[in-house]
Amino acid sequence: MGGGSSYEDEPPLLEELGIDIGAIFLKTRAVLLWRFSSRYLDDLDMGGALIFVFVLAGLQLLMGKLHFGVTLGWSVVFSVLLWCLLRQLVGPDSGAEAKNLDLYGCCCVVGYSMLPLVVYTALAILIPRGGVVACTRGGTGGVSR
């Protein structure tokens, strides 16, 4: 028959797509602990950034807010604004030693920076809206007439 390759010779799907789960967990921990250094900018990935954008939109959907397009749109707008701002700060003539952050890198950084919003939204789902101690309505404050 044909000399096609078998499934055992194929690399895993995540490796084929270039998604490294270990690197995503390291960057997530770095963002949560505020230990984000420049070495994480050498290995940028869009996988983790998109995961956080989709999780944020999914959590807002659980809250009853349909803001998926707004979340994705504003993240793209903020990425482009950050990229334009950095281009203006660095200037067009940055020597060969200077490492410029391109538009792809800005999208990755903005995606990972949505992690505190994801945590806040998850907490907003778990904590009731009236707070831990809810006040009763219509009471006179203990004064009877």
N, C-alpha and C. Protein backbone atom coordinates (compact mmCIF):
# COMPACT_ATOMS: atom_id res chain seq x y z
N MET A 1 0.83 -1.18 0.00
CA MET A 1 0.00 0.00 0.00
C MET A 1 0.88 1.25 0.00
N GLY A 2 0.29 2.39 0.31
CA GLY A 2 1.03 3.64 0.33
C GLY A 2 2.00 3.68 1.49
N GLY A 3 3.06 4.38 1.33
CA GLY A 3 4.10 4.47 2.37
C GLY A 3 3.88 5.64 3.30
N GLY A 4 2.65 5.90 3.70
CA GLY A 4 2.35 7.02 4.60
C GLY A 4 2.87 6.76 6.01
N SER A 5 3.06 7.81 6.76
CA SER A 5 3.56 7.66 8.12
C SER A 5 2.41 7.32 9.06
N SER A 6 2.74 6.68 10.15
CA SER A 6 1.73 6.29 11.12
C SER A 6 1.52 7.40 12.14
N TYR A 7 0.49 7.24 12.96
CA TYR A 7 0.18 8.25 13.96
C TYR A 7 1.23 8.30 15.07
N GLU A 8 1.95 7.22 15.30
CA GLU A 8 2.97 7.20 16.34
C GLU A 8 4.15 8.10 16.00
N ASP A 9 4.37 8.33 14.70
CA ASP A 9 5.49 9.17 14.27
C ASP A 9 5.15 10.65 14.33
N GLU A 10 3.90 10.98 14.50
CA GLU A 10 3.46 12.38 14.54
C GLU A 10 3.77 13.00 15.90
N PRO A 11 4.18 14.28 15.92
CA PRO A 11 4.37 14.96 17.21
C PRO A 11 3.02 15.29 17.84
N PRO A 12 2.98 15.50 19.16
CA PRO A 12 1.71 15.87 19.80
C PRO A 12 1.17 17.18 19.23
N LEU A 13 -0.14 17.36 19.32
CA LEU A 13 -0.80 18.51 18.71
C LEU A 13 -0.32 19.83 19.30
N LEU A 14 -0.18 19.90 20.63
CA LEU A 14 0.27 21.15 21.25
C LEU A 14 1.69 21.50 20.82
N GLU A 15 2.55 20.49 20.69
CA GLU A 15 3.91 20.74 20.23
C GLU A 15 3.92 21.19 18.78
N GLU A 16 3.03 20.62 17.99
CA GLU A 16 2.94 21.00 16.59
C GLU A 16 2.44 22.43 16.43
N LEU A 17 1.54 22.85 17.33
CA LEU A 17 1.03 24.22 17.28
C LEU A 17 1.97 25.23 17.94
N GLY A 18 2.96 24.75 18.65
CA GLY A 18 3.91 25.65 19.31
C GLY A 18 3.43 26.15 20.66
N ILE A 19 2.56 25.40 21.31
CA ILE A 19 2.05 25.79 22.63
C ILE A 19 2.77 24.97 23.68
N ASP A 20 3.46 25.66 24.59
CA ASP A 20 4.20 25.00 25.66
C ASP A 20 3.48 25.28 26.97
N ILE A 21 2.81 24.26 27.50
CA ILE A 21 2.01 24.42 28.72
C ILE A 21 2.90 24.80 29.90
N GLY A 22 4.08 24.23 30.00
CA GLY A 22 5.01 24.57 31.09
C GLY A 22 5.41 26.04 31.07
N ALA A 23 5.67 26.57 29.88
CA ALA A 23 6.04 27.99 29.77
C ALA A 23 4.85 28.89 30.12
N ILE A 24 3.64 28.46 29.77
CA ILE A 24 2.45 29.25 30.12
C ILE A 24 2.29 29.30 31.64
N PHE A 25 2.50 28.17 32.32
CA PHE A 25 2.41 28.16 33.78
C PHE A 25 3.49 29.03 34.43
N LEU A 26 4.71 29.01 33.87
CA LEU A 26 5.78 29.85 34.40
C LEU A 26 5.46 31.33 34.25
N LYS A 27 4.94 31.71 33.10
CA LYS A 27 4.60 33.11 32.87
C LYS A 27 3.40 33.53 33.71
N THR A 28 2.46 32.62 33.90
CA THR A 28 1.31 32.92 34.75
C THR A 28 1.75 33.16 36.18
N ARG A 29 2.63 32.32 36.67
CA ARG A 29 3.16 32.50 38.03
C ARG A 29 3.95 33.79 38.14
N ALA A 30 4.69 34.14 37.10
CA ALA A 30 5.47 35.37 37.12
C ALA A 30 4.56 36.59 37.16
N VAL A 31 3.44 36.55 36.44
CA VAL A 31 2.50 37.67 36.45
C VAL A 31 1.82 37.78 37.81
N LEU A 32 1.41 36.64 38.38
CA LEU A 32 0.72 36.67 39.67
C LEU A 32 1.63 37.13 40.81
N LEU A 33 2.92 36.78 40.73
CA LEU A 33 3.86 37.15 41.79
C LEU A 33 4.63 38.43 41.49
N TRP A 34 4.30 39.09 40.42
CA TRP A 34 4.94 40.34 39.97
C TRP A 34 6.45 40.16 39.81
N ARG A 35 6.86 39.08 39.21
CA ARG A 35 8.27 38.78 38.96
C ARG A 35 8.51 38.61 37.46
N PHE A 36 7.90 39.47 36.68
CA PHE A 36 8.00 39.37 35.22
C PHE A 36 9.28 40.05 34.78
N SER A 37 10.25 39.30 34.33
CA SER A 37 11.53 39.85 33.90
C SER A 37 11.64 39.79 32.38
N SER A 38 12.73 40.33 31.89
CA SER A 38 12.91 40.41 30.44
C SER A 38 13.19 39.06 29.81
N ARG A 39 13.57 38.06 30.59
CA ARG A 39 13.83 36.75 29.99
C ARG A 39 12.54 36.10 29.48
N TYR A 40 11.38 36.49 30.04
CA TYR A 40 10.12 35.97 29.54
C TYR A 40 9.74 36.60 28.20
N LEU A 41 10.31 37.75 27.90
CA LEU A 41 10.02 38.39 26.61
C LEU A 41 10.78 37.74 25.46
N ASP A 42 11.77 36.90 25.78
CA ASP A 42 12.50 36.20 24.73
C ASP A 42 11.67 35.08 24.12
N ASP A 43 10.81 34.46 24.92
CA ASP A 43 10.01 33.34 24.47
C ASP A 43 8.53 33.69 24.60
N LEU A 44 8.05 34.50 23.69
CA LEU A 44 6.65 34.93 23.73
C LEU A 44 5.76 33.90 23.05
N ASP A 45 4.57 33.72 23.61
CA ASP A 45 3.60 32.84 22.99
C ASP A 45 2.21 33.48 23.07
N MET A 46 1.45 33.25 22.03
CA MET A 46 0.10 33.80 21.99
C MET A 46 -0.90 32.85 22.63
N GLY A 47 -0.51 31.60 22.85
CA GLY A 47 -1.42 30.61 23.42
C GLY A 47 -1.93 31.00 24.80
N GLY A 48 -1.02 31.35 25.70
CA GLY A 48 -1.43 31.75 27.05
C GLY A 48 -2.24 33.03 27.05
N ALA A 49 -1.86 33.97 26.22
CA ALA A 49 -2.58 35.23 26.15
C ALA A 49 -4.02 35.01 25.67
N LEU A 50 -4.19 34.18 24.66
CA LEU A 50 -5.55 33.89 24.18
C LEU A 50 -6.36 33.10 25.19
N ILE A 51 -5.69 32.23 25.94
CA ILE A 51 -6.39 31.48 26.98
C ILE A 51 -6.99 32.44 28.00
N PHE A 52 -6.20 33.43 28.43
CA PHE A 52 -6.69 34.37 29.44
C PHE A 52 -7.80 35.27 28.90
N VAL A 53 -7.72 35.65 27.64
CA VAL A 53 -8.79 36.45 27.03
C VAL A 53 -10.07 35.63 26.94
N PHE A 54 -9.97 34.36 26.53
CA PHE A 54 -11.15 33.51 26.43
C PHE A 54 -11.73 33.17 27.80
N VAL A 55 -10.87 32.96 28.80
CA VAL A 55 -11.37 32.68 30.15
C VAL A 55 -12.08 33.90 30.72
N LEU A 56 -11.52 35.10 30.49
CA LEU A 56 -12.18 36.32 30.95
C LEU A 56 -13.55 36.48 30.29
N ALA A 57 -13.62 36.25 29.00
CA ALA A 57 -14.91 36.37 28.30
C ALA A 57 -15.88 35.29 28.77
N GLY A 58 -15.39 34.08 29.04
CA GLY A 58 -16.26 33.02 29.54
C GLY A 58 -16.78 33.30 30.94
N LEU A 59 -15.94 33.86 31.80
CA LEU A 59 -16.39 34.22 33.14
C LEU A 59 -17.42 35.34 33.10
N GLN A 60 -17.24 36.29 32.21
CA GLN A 60 -18.24 37.34 32.07
C GLN A 60 -19.54 36.78 31.50
N LEU A 61 -19.44 35.78 30.66
CA LEU A 61 -20.64 35.13 30.15
C LEU A 61 -21.38 34.42 31.29
N LEU A 62 -20.65 33.83 32.23
CA LEU A 62 -21.29 33.20 33.39
C LEU A 62 -21.97 34.23 34.29
N MET A 63 -21.48 35.46 34.28
CA MET A 63 -22.11 36.52 35.06
C MET A 63 -23.33 37.10 34.35
N GLY A 64 -23.56 36.68 33.12
CA GLY A 64 -24.71 37.17 32.37
C GLY A 64 -24.39 38.37 31.51
N LYS A 65 -23.13 38.65 31.29
CA LYS A 65 -22.73 39.79 30.46
C LYS A 65 -22.13 39.25 29.17
N LEU A 66 -22.64 39.70 28.06
CA LEU A 66 -22.16 39.25 26.76
C LEU A 66 -21.15 40.26 26.21
N HIS A 67 -19.94 40.20 26.74
CA HIS A 67 -18.90 41.16 26.36
C HIS A 67 -17.74 40.50 25.64
N PHE A 68 -17.96 39.39 24.95
CA PHE A 68 -16.83 38.70 24.33
C PHE A 68 -16.17 39.54 23.25
N GLY A 69 -16.96 40.13 22.39
CA GLY A 69 -16.40 40.97 21.33
C GLY A 69 -15.73 42.22 21.87
N VAL A 70 -16.30 42.77 22.94
CA VAL A 70 -15.71 43.96 23.56
C VAL A 70 -14.36 43.61 24.19
N THR A 71 -14.30 42.47 24.88
CA THR A 71 -13.05 42.05 25.51
C THR A 71 -11.97 41.81 24.47
N LEU A 72 -12.28 41.08 23.44
CA LEU A 72 -11.30 40.81 22.40
C LEU A 72 -10.93 42.08 21.63
N GLY A 73 -11.90 42.92 21.35
CA GLY A 73 -11.64 44.15 20.61
C GLY A 73 -10.76 45.12 21.39
N TRP A 74 -11.09 45.32 22.67
CA TRP A 74 -10.27 46.24 23.47
C TRP A 74 -8.87 45.69 23.71
N SER A 75 -8.71 44.39 23.79
CA SER A 75 -7.36 43.85 23.95
C SER A 75 -6.52 44.11 22.70
N VAL A 76 -7.14 44.04 21.53
CA VAL A 76 -6.41 44.36 20.29
C VAL A 76 -6.09 45.85 20.23
N VAL A 77 -7.05 46.69 20.62
CA VAL A 77 -6.82 48.14 20.61
C VAL A 77 -5.70 48.51 21.58
N PHE A 78 -5.72 47.94 22.78
CA PHE A 78 -4.66 48.25 23.75
C PHE A 78 -3.31 47.73 23.29
N SER A 79 -3.29 46.60 22.59
CA SER A 79 -2.03 46.08 22.06
C SER A 79 -1.43 47.03 21.03
N VAL A 80 -2.29 47.52 20.14
CA VAL A 80 -1.81 48.44 19.10
C VAL A 80 -1.36 49.77 19.73
N LEU A 81 -2.12 50.27 20.71
CA LEU A 81 -1.72 51.52 21.38
C LEU A 81 -0.41 51.37 22.13
N LEU A 82 -0.23 50.23 22.82
CA LEU A 82 1.03 49.98 23.51
C LEU A 82 2.19 49.89 22.53
N TRP A 83 1.97 49.24 21.41
CA TRP A 83 3.01 49.12 20.40
C TRP A 83 3.37 50.50 19.83
N CYS A 84 2.37 51.33 19.53
CA CYS A 84 2.64 52.68 19.02
C CYS A 84 3.38 53.53 20.05
N LEU A 85 2.99 53.42 21.31
CA LEU A 85 3.65 54.17 22.36
C LEU A 85 5.11 53.74 22.51
N LEU A 86 5.36 52.46 22.48
CA LEU A 86 6.75 51.99 22.58
C LEU A 86 7.58 52.38 21.37
N ARG A 87 6.96 52.38 20.21
CA ARG A 87 7.69 52.83 19.00
C ARG A 87 8.07 54.30 19.10
N GLN A 88 7.18 55.11 19.70
CA GLN A 88 7.48 56.53 19.87
C GLN A 88 8.56 56.76 20.93
N LEU A 89 8.55 55.95 21.97
CA LEU A 89 9.54 56.11 23.03
C LEU A 89 10.93 55.67 22.60
N VAL A 90 11.00 54.56 21.87
CA VAL A 90 12.29 54.03 21.46
C VAL A 90 12.85 54.82 20.29
N GLY A 91 12.01 55.21 19.37
CA GLY A 91 12.47 55.95 18.20
C GLY A 91 12.78 55.01 17.05
N PRO A 92 12.86 55.56 15.85
CA PRO A 92 13.11 54.71 14.68
C PRO A 92 14.54 54.19 14.61
N ASP A 93 15.50 54.94 15.13
CA ASP A 93 16.89 54.52 15.07
C ASP A 93 17.32 53.95 16.41
N SER A 94 16.91 52.74 16.69
CA SER A 94 17.41 52.05 17.88
C SER A 94 18.44 51.06 17.40
N GLY A 95 19.60 51.11 17.94
CA GLY A 95 20.72 50.31 17.46
C GLY A 95 20.43 48.83 17.43
N ALA A 96 21.39 48.06 16.97
CA ALA A 96 21.22 46.62 16.85
C ALA A 96 21.11 45.95 18.22
N GLU A 97 21.66 46.59 19.25
CA GLU A 97 21.63 45.98 20.58
C GLU A 97 20.26 46.14 21.25
N ALA A 98 19.53 47.18 20.89
CA ALA A 98 18.23 47.42 21.51
C ALA A 98 17.23 46.38 21.01
N LYS A 99 16.45 45.87 21.93
CA LYS A 99 15.46 44.85 21.57
C LYS A 99 14.09 45.50 21.55
N ASN A 100 13.54 45.65 20.36
CA ASN A 100 12.23 46.26 20.20
C ASN A 100 11.14 45.24 20.46
N LEU A 101 10.07 45.69 21.04
CA LEU A 101 8.91 44.85 21.25
C LEU A 101 7.97 45.05 20.07
N ASP A 102 7.78 44.00 19.27
CA ASP A 102 6.93 44.12 18.10
C ASP A 102 5.46 43.98 18.47
N LEU A 103 4.60 44.05 17.47
CA LEU A 103 3.16 44.00 17.71
C LEU A 103 2.74 42.65 18.28
N TYR A 104 3.36 41.58 17.84
CA TYR A 104 3.07 40.25 18.38
C TYR A 104 3.41 40.20 19.87
N GLY A 105 4.55 40.75 20.24
CA GLY A 105 4.95 40.79 21.65
C GLY A 105 4.01 41.63 22.49
N CYS A 106 3.54 42.74 21.94
CA CYS A 106 2.58 43.58 22.67
C CYS A 106 1.26 42.84 22.90
N CYS A 107 0.82 42.08 21.90
CA CYS A 107 -0.41 41.30 22.07
C CYS A 107 -0.22 40.25 23.16
N CYS A 108 0.94 39.62 23.22
CA CYS A 108 1.21 38.62 24.25
C CYS A 108 1.24 39.26 25.64
N VAL A 109 1.89 40.40 25.76
CA VAL A 109 1.99 41.07 27.06
C VAL A 109 0.62 41.54 27.54
N VAL A 110 -0.18 42.10 26.65
CA VAL A 110 -1.52 42.54 27.03
C VAL A 110 -2.40 41.35 27.41
N GLY A 111 -2.26 40.24 26.71
CA GLY A 111 -3.03 39.05 27.05
C GLY A 111 -2.67 38.50 28.43
N TYR A 112 -1.39 38.44 28.74
CA TYR A 112 -0.97 37.97 30.06
C TYR A 112 -1.32 38.98 31.15
N SER A 113 -1.39 40.25 30.80
CA SER A 113 -1.73 41.25 31.82
C SER A 113 -3.22 41.23 32.16
N MET A 114 -4.02 40.46 31.43
CA MET A 114 -5.43 40.31 31.77
C MET A 114 -5.65 39.31 32.90
N LEU A 115 -4.60 38.67 33.36
CA LEU A 115 -4.73 37.67 34.42
C LEU A 115 -5.33 38.24 35.71
N PRO A 116 -4.93 39.44 36.18
CA PRO A 116 -5.61 39.98 37.37
C PRO A 116 -7.10 40.23 37.14
N LEU A 117 -7.50 40.60 35.93
CA LEU A 117 -8.92 40.77 35.63
C LEU A 117 -9.66 39.43 35.68
N VAL A 118 -8.98 38.37 35.24
CA VAL A 118 -9.58 37.03 35.30
C VAL A 118 -9.80 36.63 36.74
N VAL A 119 -8.81 36.88 37.60
CA VAL A 119 -8.93 36.53 39.02
C VAL A 119 -10.05 37.35 39.67
N TYR A 120 -10.11 38.64 39.36
CA TYR A 120 -11.16 39.50 39.92
C TYR A 120 -12.55 39.05 39.47
N THR A 121 -12.69 38.70 38.21
CA THR A 121 -13.98 38.27 37.69
C THR A 121 -14.39 36.94 38.32
N ALA A 122 -13.43 36.03 38.52
CA ALA A 122 -13.74 34.76 39.16
C ALA A 122 -14.19 34.98 40.61
N LEU A 123 -13.55 35.91 41.30
CA LEU A 123 -13.96 36.22 42.67
C LEU A 123 -15.33 36.90 42.70
N ALA A 124 -15.62 37.71 41.70
CA ALA A 124 -16.92 38.38 41.64
C ALA A 124 -18.05 37.38 41.42
N ILE A 125 -17.76 36.26 40.76
CA ILE A 125 -18.77 35.22 40.59
C ILE A 125 -18.99 34.49 41.91
N LEU A 126 -17.91 34.23 42.64
CA LEU A 126 -18.01 33.43 43.86
C LEU A 126 -18.58 34.19 45.05
N ILE A 127 -18.30 35.49 45.14
CA ILE A 127 -18.76 36.29 46.28
C ILE A 127 -20.13 36.86 45.94
N PRO A 128 -21.09 36.75 46.85
CA PRO A 128 -22.43 37.29 46.56
C PRO A 128 -22.40 38.80 46.41
N ARG A 129 -23.37 39.32 45.68
CA ARG A 129 -23.38 40.76 45.39
C ARG A 129 -23.66 41.61 46.61
N GLY A 130 -24.42 41.11 47.56
CA GLY A 130 -24.73 41.88 48.75
C GLY A 130 -23.61 41.89 49.77
N GLY A 131 -22.52 41.21 49.48
CA GLY A 131 -21.43 41.11 50.43
C GLY A 131 -21.62 39.86 51.28
N VAL A 132 -20.68 39.66 52.19
CA VAL A 132 -20.74 38.49 53.04
C VAL A 132 -21.89 38.60 54.02
N VAL A 133 -22.06 39.76 54.61
CA VAL A 133 -23.16 40.00 55.54
C VAL A 133 -24.18 40.87 54.83
N ALA A 134 -25.33 40.30 54.55
CA ALA A 134 -26.36 41.04 53.83
C ALA A 134 -27.26 41.76 54.83
N CYS A 135 -27.59 42.99 54.51
CA CYS A 135 -28.49 43.77 55.36
C CYS A 135 -29.92 43.48 54.94
N THR A 136 -30.82 43.52 55.90
CA THR A 136 -32.22 43.33 55.57
C THR A 136 -32.82 44.66 55.15
N ARG A 137 -33.68 44.60 54.19
CA ARG A 137 -34.31 45.82 53.69
C ARG A 137 -35.61 46.07 54.45
N GLY A 138 -35.93 47.30 54.58
CA GLY A 138 -37.20 47.66 55.16
C GLY A 138 -37.18 47.71 56.68
N GLY A 139 -36.06 47.43 57.27
CA GLY A 139 -35.95 47.50 58.72
C GLY A 139 -35.81 48.94 59.18
N THR A 140 -36.17 49.18 60.43
CA THR A 140 -36.09 50.53 60.98
C THR A 140 -34.86 50.69 61.86
N GLY A 141 -33.94 49.76 61.76
CA GLY A 141 -32.72 49.91 62.54
C GLY A 141 -32.92 49.56 64.01
N GLY A 142 -33.85 48.70 64.30
CA GLY A 142 -34.07 48.28 65.68
C GLY A 142 -35.01 49.17 66.46
N VAL A 143 -35.53 50.22 65.85
CA VAL A 143 -36.45 51.13 66.54
C VAL A 143 -37.87 50.73 66.15
N SER A 144 -38.70 50.45 67.16
CA SER A 144 -40.07 50.08 66.86
C SER A 144 -41.01 51.22 67.23
N ARG A 145 -42.09 51.31 66.56
CA ARG A 145 -43.04 52.39 66.82
C ARG A 145 -44.30 51.89 67.37
